[in-house]
Amino acid sequence: MIRIQSRPDLDEAVALDAVREHYGLDGTLTPLPGERDRNFLLEVDSGVRYIVKVSSPDEPQPILEFENRVIERLAADTNGLVPGLVAARSGETLIGQTP
């Protein structure tokens, strides 16, 4: 049986509130495409840009952890060509609700 995951139903205002709370960042969010995730481009006043990824609550935690390890590895091995992860104020790179 194939399980179809739905993208999180989340608008820019809710996502921006979470970014402010967990990362201490503020700016303008622009929706980006994503098949299973809600993705946004965050542009802060200084001109720095970030990608904000909101995963489906149906996404297994080990998959999210694997994705983060891949990003960390690529960021370390590509001399800045692949941006790294930004930790939340808590120090975590994955935040949110757990089942």
C-alpha atoms as a PDB file:
ATOM      1  CA  MET A   1       0.000   0.000   0.000  1.00  0.00           C
ATOM      2  CA  ILE A   2       1.349   3.418  -0.968  1.00  0.00           C
ATOM      3  CA  ARG A   3       0.809   6.149   1.564  1.00  0.00           C
ATOM      4  CA  ILE A   4       0.380   9.599   0.041  1.00  0.00           C
ATOM      5  CA  GLN A   5       1.576  12.385   2.280  1.00  0.00           C
ATOM      6  CA  SER A   6      -0.102  15.726   2.131  1.00  0.00           C
ATOM      7  CA  ARG A   7       1.761  18.984   2.297  1.00  0.00           C
ATOM      8  CA  PRO A   8       1.271  20.897   5.530  1.00  0.00           C
ATOM      9  CA  ASP A   9      -1.560  23.407   5.347  1.00  0.00           C
ATOM     10  CA  LEU A  10       0.359  26.449   6.531  1.00  0.00           C
ATOM     11  CA  ASP A  11       0.325  30.033   5.357  1.00  0.00           C
ATOM     12  CA  GLU A  12       3.112  32.593   5.354  1.00  0.00           C
ATOM     13  CA  ALA A  13       1.960  34.372   8.527  1.00  0.00           C
ATOM     14  CA  VAL A  14       2.026  31.206  10.642  1.00  0.00           C
ATOM     15  CA  ALA A  15       5.397  30.167   9.193  1.00  0.00           C
ATOM     16  CA  LEU A  16       6.866  33.622   9.831  1.00  0.00           C
ATOM     17  CA  ASP A  17       5.631  33.568  13.437  1.00  0.00           C
ATOM     18  CA  ALA A  18       7.413  30.221  13.934  1.00  0.00           C
ATOM     19  CA  VAL A  19      10.617  31.574  12.357  1.00  0.00           C
ATOM     20  CA  ARG A  20      10.522  34.584  14.675  1.00  0.00           C
ATOM     21  CA  GLU A  21       9.902  32.423  17.737  1.00  0.00           C
ATOM     22  CA  HIS A  22      12.390  29.625  17.058  1.00  0.00           C
ATOM     23  CA  TYR A  23      15.133  31.399  15.101  1.00  0.00           C
ATOM     24  CA  GLY A  24      14.854  35.053  16.060  1.00  0.00           C
ATOM     25  CA  LEU A  25      14.729  36.006  12.375  1.00  0.00           C
ATOM     26  CA  ASP A  26      12.272  38.345  10.698  1.00  0.00           C
ATOM     27  CA  GLY A  27      11.680  39.343   7.126  1.00  0.00           C
ATOM     28  CA  THR A  28       9.547  38.566   4.113  1.00  0.00           C
ATOM     29  CA  LEU A  29       8.432  35.034   3.265  1.00  0.00           C
ATOM     30  CA  THR A  30       7.710  34.028  -0.315  1.00  0.00           C
ATOM     31  CA  PRO A  31       6.190  30.605  -1.057  1.00  0.00           C
ATOM     32  CA  LEU A  32       8.354  28.174  -3.034  1.00  0.00           C
ATOM     33  CA  PRO A  33       7.316  24.928  -4.725  1.00  0.00           C
ATOM     34  CA  GLY A  34       7.500  21.633  -2.906  1.00  0.00           C
ATOM     35  CA  GLU A  35       5.978  18.228  -3.432  1.00  0.00           C
ATOM     36  CA  ARG A  36       5.721  17.035   0.188  1.00  0.00           C
ATOM     37  CA  ASP A  37       6.874  20.092   2.118  1.00  0.00           C
ATOM     38  CA  ARG A  38       5.839  23.722   2.395  1.00  0.00           C
ATOM     39  CA  ASN A  39       8.888  25.745   1.424  1.00  0.00           C
ATOM     40  CA  PHE A  40       9.455  29.471   1.709  1.00  0.00           C
ATOM     41  CA  LEU A  41      12.191  31.934   0.836  1.00  0.00           C
ATOM     42  CA  LEU A  42      12.898  34.170   3.833  1.00  0.00           C
ATOM     43  CA  GLU A  43      14.580  37.468   3.011  1.00  0.00           C
ATOM     44  CA  VAL A  44      15.742  39.448   6.039  1.00  0.00           C
ATOM     45  CA  ASP A  45      16.369  43.201   6.055  1.00  0.00           C
ATOM     46  CA  SER A  46      20.134  42.744   5.752  1.00  0.00           C
ATOM     47  CA  GLY A  47      19.610  40.955   2.417  1.00  0.00           C
ATOM     48  CA  VAL A  48      20.487  37.498   3.739  1.00  0.00           C
ATOM     49  CA  ARG A  49      18.197  34.797   2.353  1.00  0.00           C
ATOM     50  CA  TYR A  50      17.155  31.510   3.935  1.00  0.00           C
ATOM     51  CA  ILE A  51      15.024  28.572   2.878  1.00  0.00           C
ATOM     52  CA  VAL A  52      12.344  27.641   5.402  1.00  0.00           C
ATOM     53  CA  LYS A  53      11.124  24.049   5.098  1.00  0.00           C
ATOM     54  CA  VAL A  54       7.998  22.834   6.850  1.00  0.00           C
ATOM     55  CA  SER A  55       7.682  19.070   6.570  1.00  0.00           C
ATOM     56  CA  SER A  56       4.508  17.051   6.633  1.00  0.00           C
ATOM     57  CA  PRO A  57       3.598  15.760  10.077  1.00  0.00           C
ATOM     58  CA  ASP A  58       3.378  12.354   8.358  1.00  0.00           C
ATOM     59  CA  GLU A  59       7.085  12.439   7.430  1.00  0.00           C
ATOM     60  CA  PRO A  60       9.008   9.889   9.525  1.00  0.00           C
ATOM     61  CA  GLN A  61      11.569  11.468  11.873  1.00  0.00           C
ATOM     62  CA  PRO A  62      14.424   9.251  10.560  1.00  0.00           C
ATOM     63  CA  ILE A  63      13.854  10.634   7.040  1.00  0.00           C
ATOM     64  CA  LEU A  64      14.074  14.222   8.285  1.00  0.00           C
ATOM     65  CA  GLU A  65      17.227  13.416  10.245  1.00  0.00           C
ATOM     66  CA  PHE A  66      18.747  11.778   7.165  1.00  0.00           C
ATOM     67  CA  GLU A  67      17.963  14.845   5.040  1.00  0.00           C
ATOM     68  CA  ASN A  68      19.693  17.060   7.605  1.00  0.00           C
ATOM     69  CA  ARG A  69      22.785  14.825   7.677  1.00  0.00           C
ATOM     70  CA  VAL A  70      22.986  14.981   3.869  1.00  0.00           C
ATOM     71  CA  ILE A  71      22.732  18.777   3.889  1.00  0.00           C
ATOM     72  CA  GLU A  72      25.380  19.037   6.609  1.00  0.00           C
ATOM     73  CA  ARG A  73      27.722  16.748   4.688  1.00  0.00           C
ATOM     74  CA  LEU A  74      27.249  18.595   1.408  1.00  0.00           C
ATOM     75  CA  ALA A  75      27.722  21.959   3.091  1.00  0.00           C
ATOM     76  CA  ALA A  76      30.972  20.758   4.650  1.00  0.00           C
ATOM     77  CA  ASP A  77      32.316  19.233   1.429  1.00  0.00           C
ATOM     78  CA  THR A  78      31.429  21.863  -1.188  1.00  0.00           C
ATOM     79  CA  ASN A  79      33.292  24.981  -0.027  1.00  0.00           C
ATOM     80  CA  GLY A  80      30.124  27.020   0.382  1.00  0.00           C
ATOM     81  CA  LEU A  81      28.343  25.907  -2.781  1.00  0.00           C
ATOM     82  CA  VAL A  82      25.675  24.172  -0.689  1.00  0.00           C
ATOM     83  CA  PRO A  83      24.360  26.243   2.216  1.00  0.00           C
ATOM     84  CA  GLY A  84      24.265  24.627   5.620  1.00  0.00           C
ATOM     85  CA  LEU A  85      21.583  24.338   8.240  1.00  0.00           C
ATOM     86  CA  VAL A  86      20.710  27.080  10.693  1.00  0.00           C
ATOM     87  CA  ALA A  87      20.100  25.871  14.218  1.00  0.00           C
ATOM     88  CA  ALA A  88      17.136  27.185  16.166  1.00  0.00           C
ATOM     89  CA  ARG A  89      17.642  29.144  19.361  1.00  0.00           C
ATOM     90  CA  SER A  90      17.391  25.817  21.171  1.00  0.00           C
ATOM     91  CA  GLY A  91      20.382  24.515  19.202  1.00  0.00           C
ATOM     92  CA  GLU A  92      18.250  21.967  17.351  1.00  0.00           C
ATOM     93  CA  THR A  93      18.168  21.717  13.576  1.00  0.00           C
ATOM     94  CA  LEU A  94      14.753  20.028  13.607  1.00  0.00           C
ATOM     95  CA  ILE A  95      11.966  21.698  15.517  1.00  0.00           C
ATOM     96  CA  GLY A  96       8.289  21.056  15.796  1.00  0.00           C
ATOM     97  CA  GLN A  97       5.835  18.577  17.052  1.00  0.00           C
ATOM     98  CA  THR A  98       6.685  14.938  17.415  1.00  0.00           C
ATOM     99  CA  PRO A  99       3.999  12.258  17.346  1.00  0.00           C
END
